[in-house]
Amino acid sequence: MNEKVLLVYQDVDDYKIESVWASKSGDYYRIENIPFFAKNVAFGDIVSVEDEDGALYFDSLIEASGHSVVRIIMFNENDFSDVTKSIEAMGCSWEGSHIKTLISVDIPPEISYDKVKAYLEKGRAEGRFDYQEACLGFK
């Protein structure tokens, strides 16, 4: 059974909370979707939580999955389909957010980050989108 784990993150001047799905893994939880705003946590990571009145708050990273997370904000809605198809063609998955042109991208450990980074840099240079490396899961 999946449960919500709450990730506290700083957004400009204040703290906010993002929830992610997680499944129980022994004494810990495995993150089951791509985080959007919290940094340094990725799909598949094993984390410990603190239970505060039934709410599960992220405590610490126990085991990194090797997955990486980048966020992409497109400057033109018309680029959405092309960008997401390109991401998928590289072997990555993505999730959309409440912001129409913002996606969070999961890069599995078996996918070359250099290839993804080259695509990201090209898109940035062309002025199509900007990106942020939220969690790099490789050494």
Protein backbone atom coordinates (compact mmCIF):
# COMPACT_ATOMS: atom_id res chain seq x y z
CA MET A 1 0.00 0.00 0.00
CA ASN A 2 1.38 3.39 -0.95
CA GLU A 3 1.43 6.24 1.52
CA LYS A 4 2.26 9.93 1.26
CA VAL A 5 5.65 11.10 2.50
CA LEU A 6 5.95 14.84 3.06
CA LEU A 7 9.08 16.62 1.84
CA VAL A 8 9.77 20.06 3.32
CA TYR A 9 11.64 22.41 0.98
CA GLN A 10 12.58 26.07 0.92
CA ASP A 11 10.94 28.21 -1.77
CA VAL A 12 12.46 31.70 -1.94
CA ASP A 13 11.65 33.08 1.53
CA ASP A 14 9.50 30.41 3.17
CA TYR A 15 9.19 26.67 3.62
CA LYS A 16 6.67 24.57 1.74
CA ILE A 17 5.65 20.92 1.70
CA GLU A 18 5.49 18.57 -1.26
CA SER A 19 4.01 15.10 -0.94
CA VAL A 20 5.28 12.06 -2.83
CA TRP A 21 3.99 8.52 -2.96
CA ALA A 22 6.10 5.96 -1.14
CA SER A 23 5.85 2.26 -0.34
CA LYS A 24 6.99 0.59 2.86
CA SER A 25 10.39 -1.11 2.51
CA GLY A 26 11.33 -2.77 5.79
CA ASP A 27 11.64 0.01 8.36
CA TYR A 28 11.87 2.64 5.63
CA TYR A 29 10.02 3.97 2.57
CA ARG A 30 10.81 3.84 -1.16
CA ILE A 31 9.91 6.98 -3.13
CA GLU A 32 7.47 5.93 -5.89
CA ASN A 33 7.12 9.08 -7.98
CA ILE A 34 9.27 11.95 -9.24
CA PRO A 35 9.59 14.84 -6.78
CA PHE A 36 8.88 18.30 -8.21
CA PHE A 37 10.16 20.91 -5.84
CA ALA A 38 12.16 19.21 -3.09
CA LYS A 39 15.81 18.71 -3.93
CA ASN A 40 18.18 15.82 -3.26
CA VAL A 41 15.48 13.12 -3.39
CA ALA A 42 14.74 10.96 -6.44
CA PHE A 43 12.44 8.19 -7.63
CA GLY A 44 13.37 4.88 -5.98
CA ASP A 45 15.35 6.37 -3.08
CA ILE A 46 14.94 4.66 0.28
CA VAL A 47 14.23 7.19 3.06
CA SER A 48 13.50 7.25 6.76
CA VAL A 49 10.50 9.21 8.02
CA GLU A 50 9.30 10.84 11.23
CA ASP A 51 5.66 10.16 12.11
CA GLU A 52 4.03 13.34 13.40
CA ASP A 53 0.41 12.65 14.33
CA GLY A 54 0.02 10.20 11.44
CA ALA A 55 1.79 12.42 8.89
CA LEU A 56 5.02 10.93 7.54
CA TYR A 57 7.77 13.54 7.14
CA PHE A 58 11.02 12.82 5.30
CA ASP A 59 13.85 12.44 7.82
CA SER A 60 16.92 11.24 5.92
CA LEU A 61 18.16 9.45 2.84
CA ILE A 62 19.00 5.84 3.67
CA GLU A 63 19.89 4.52 0.22
CA ALA A 64 20.14 6.45 -3.05
CA SER A 65 18.55 4.72 -6.05
CA GLY A 66 20.97 6.20 -8.57
CA HIS A 67 18.10 7.99 -10.32
CA SER A 68 18.49 11.69 -11.15
CA VAL A 69 15.83 14.41 -11.29
CA VAL A 70 15.79 17.54 -13.43
CA ARG A 71 13.03 20.08 -13.78
CA ILE A 72 12.29 21.69 -17.13
CA ILE A 73 10.26 24.86 -17.61
CA MET A 74 9.27 25.47 -21.22
CA PHE A 75 8.88 29.04 -22.45
CA ASN A 76 6.30 28.10 -25.09
CA GLU A 77 3.42 25.65 -24.55
CA ASN A 78 3.80 24.51 -28.17
CA ASP A 79 7.16 22.89 -27.27
CA PHE A 80 5.58 20.61 -24.65
CA SER A 81 4.92 17.60 -26.90
CA ASP A 82 8.32 17.79 -28.61
CA VAL A 83 10.23 18.10 -25.33
CA THR A 84 8.37 15.28 -23.57
CA LYS A 85 8.74 12.97 -26.58
CA SER A 86 12.48 13.72 -26.71
CA ILE A 87 12.78 12.95 -22.98
CA GLU A 88 10.95 9.63 -23.46
CA ALA A 89 13.08 8.74 -26.50
CA MET A 90 16.19 9.01 -24.30
CA GLY A 91 14.70 6.44 -21.89
CA CYS A 92 13.54 8.90 -19.25
CA SER A 93 10.08 9.42 -17.77
CA TRP A 94 8.40 12.63 -16.67
CA GLU A 95 5.47 13.99 -14.72
CA GLY A 96 3.55 17.19 -15.35
CA SER A 97 2.75 19.70 -12.63
CA HIS A 98 0.03 22.22 -11.87
CA ILE A 99 2.14 24.65 -13.94
CA LYS A 100 1.34 23.73 -17.55
CA THR A 101 4.90 24.10 -18.91
CA LEU A 102 6.78 22.62 -15.94
CA ILE A 103 7.80 18.96 -15.90
CA SER A 104 9.88 16.87 -13.56
CA VAL A 105 12.10 14.30 -15.31
CA ASP A 106 13.37 10.99 -13.94
CA ILE A 107 16.67 9.84 -15.38
CA PRO A 108 17.28 6.15 -14.54
CA PRO A 109 20.83 5.16 -13.57
CA GLU A 110 21.33 3.14 -16.78
CA ILE A 111 20.74 6.23 -18.96
CA SER A 112 23.78 8.36 -19.84
CA TYR A 113 23.40 11.69 -18.07
CA ASP A 114 25.86 13.23 -20.54
CA LYS A 115 23.37 12.57 -23.37
CA VAL A 116 20.50 14.10 -21.39
CA LYS A 117 22.66 17.06 -20.32
CA ALA A 118 23.62 17.76 -23.95
CA TYR A 119 19.89 17.88 -24.86
CA LEU A 120 19.17 20.19 -21.90
CA GLU A 121 22.02 22.54 -22.77
CA LYS A 122 20.92 22.66 -26.42
CA GLY A 123 17.32 23.50 -25.46
CA ARG A 124 18.52 26.19 -23.06
CA ALA A 125 20.86 27.69 -25.69
CA GLU A 126 18.01 27.77 -28.22
CA GLY A 127 15.82 29.61 -25.70
CA ARG A 128 13.16 26.86 -25.72
CA PHE A 129 13.37 26.07 -22.02
CA ASP A 130 15.44 26.31 -18.88
CA TYR A 131 16.22 23.48 -16.51
CA GLN A 132 17.41 22.81 -12.99
CA GLU A 133 19.28 19.78 -11.68
CA ALA A 134 17.29 18.90 -8.58
CA CYS A 135 19.00 15.62 -7.67
CA LEU A 136 21.95 14.01 -9.41
CA GLY A 137 22.07 10.37 -8.41
CA PHE A 138 25.44 9.43 -9.82
CA LYS A 139 28.93 9.70 -8.40
